[in-house]
Structure formats: C-alpha cells, structure tokens
Amino acid sequence: MSSLPPAIFLMGPTAAGKTDLAMALADALPCELISVDSALIYRGMDIGTAKPSRELLARYPHRLIDIRDPAESYSAAEFR
C-alpha cells in the first residue's frame, strides 16, 4: 500500500469554475496546484484556453503551465 498524500482532482469543461475552486482550496489547505490541461502546457496559447492570468499564477502557482513551446511535442509518458 502506498503512503502517498491524498489528492483532490477537479474535472470539468472550460469555464466551469475549476480554477476558482482550486484557488479557494489552496487558500484553505496546504496543497499544490497542478494543471493537467493539454493546451495550458504551451506558452502563448492563452486565448481560448481559460489560462489563469499572470497575476493569479503569481499568487497561486500552478505546475505544468507554460512548460513547452507550441513547436515542441509533449506526451503522456513525459507527463508521467
């Protein structure tokens, strides 16, 4: 049996309020925010992705946002 810490997964369509809920959870719990949105990994793809603003990302850092250039590939194996 693994001794990994508990995890909360927020899933749903774009603009459903996942980011707002994640930030509220970050205010209430000692947790990290990890984005698993396939479009948010790419730098510059801000329109149509509901990527959090720079101000929000400064206050609530999210892992795996803006980690690749759009010309670079990214796979499920790399994510793992």
Protein backbone atom coordinates (compact mmCIF):
# COMPACT_ATOMS: atom_id res chain seq x y z
CA MET A 1 0.00 0.00 0.00
CA SER A 2 1.39 3.38 -1.00
CA SER A 3 1.77 6.17 1.51
CA LEU A 4 1.09 8.96 -0.98
CA PRO A 5 -0.70 12.03 0.35
CA PRO A 6 -4.38 12.50 -0.51
CA ALA A 7 -5.18 14.24 -3.78
CA ILE A 8 -8.16 16.26 -4.95
CA PHE A 9 -8.98 16.12 -8.66
CA LEU A 10 -11.11 18.86 -10.23
CA MET A 11 -12.51 17.97 -13.64
CA GLY A 12 -14.97 19.61 -15.97
CA PRO A 13 -15.34 21.71 -19.11
CA THR A 14 -13.60 25.01 -19.76
CA ALA A 15 -15.08 27.94 -17.80
CA ALA A 16 -16.86 25.67 -15.29
CA GLY A 17 -15.11 27.28 -12.29
CA LYS A 18 -12.34 24.74 -11.66
CA THR A 19 -9.64 27.41 -11.28
CA ASP A 20 -11.69 29.46 -8.81
CA LEU A 21 -12.35 26.34 -6.75
CA ALA A 22 -8.67 25.31 -6.90
CA MET A 23 -7.61 28.73 -5.61
CA ALA A 24 -10.15 28.53 -2.78
CA LEU A 25 -8.78 25.10 -1.86
CA ALA A 26 -5.22 26.48 -1.95
CA ASP A 27 -6.30 29.21 0.49
CA ALA A 28 -7.85 26.62 2.82
CA LEU A 29 -5.45 23.67 2.53
CA PRO A 30 -1.70 23.12 2.31
CA CYS A 31 -1.68 21.97 -1.30
CA GLU A 32 -0.05 22.42 -4.68
CA LEU A 33 -1.97 23.16 -7.87
CA ILE A 34 -1.11 21.03 -10.89
CA SER A 35 -2.74 21.75 -14.23
CA VAL A 36 -3.40 18.76 -16.46
CA ASP A 37 -4.99 20.74 -19.30
CA SER A 38 -3.29 19.69 -22.54
CA ALA A 39 -3.41 23.22 -24.01
CA LEU A 40 -2.07 25.05 -20.95
CA ILE A 41 1.34 23.39 -21.17
CA TYR A 42 2.10 25.54 -24.22
CA ARG A 43 3.47 29.07 -23.87
CA GLY A 44 1.49 31.71 -25.72
CA MET A 45 -1.72 29.68 -26.04
CA ASP A 46 -3.71 31.99 -23.78
CA ILE A 47 -6.76 32.72 -25.93
CA GLY A 48 -9.46 30.05 -25.85
CA THR A 49 -7.81 28.05 -23.06
CA ALA A 50 -9.03 29.90 -19.95
CA LYS A 51 -5.41 30.03 -18.76
CA PRO A 52 -5.21 31.85 -15.41
CA SER A 53 -3.85 35.39 -15.63
CA ARG A 54 -0.23 36.16 -14.75
CA GLU A 55 -1.46 37.84 -11.57
CA LEU A 56 -3.37 34.74 -10.50
CA LEU A 57 -0.45 32.48 -11.38
CA ALA A 58 1.87 34.68 -9.30
CA ARG A 59 -0.43 34.32 -6.30
CA TYR A 60 -1.39 30.68 -6.95
CA PRO A 61 1.42 28.94 -8.84
CA HIS A 62 0.26 26.04 -11.00
CA ARG A 63 2.66 23.34 -12.11
CA LEU A 64 2.71 22.32 -15.79
CA ILE A 65 1.56 25.65 -17.24
CA ASP A 66 3.71 27.26 -19.97
CA ILE A 67 6.31 24.50 -19.90
CA ARG A 68 6.61 23.92 -23.67
CA ASP A 69 6.86 25.96 -26.84
CA PRO A 70 3.98 25.17 -29.25
CA ALA A 71 6.52 23.74 -31.72
CA GLU A 72 7.60 21.12 -29.14
CA SER A 73 5.77 17.85 -28.64
CA TYR A 74 4.60 16.56 -25.26
CA SER A 75 3.42 13.07 -24.43
CA ALA A 76 1.60 11.19 -21.71
CA ALA A 77 4.87 9.43 -20.92
CA GLU A 78 6.60 12.79 -20.33
CA PHE A 79 3.69 13.91 -18.16
CA ARG A 80 4.04 10.80 -16.02
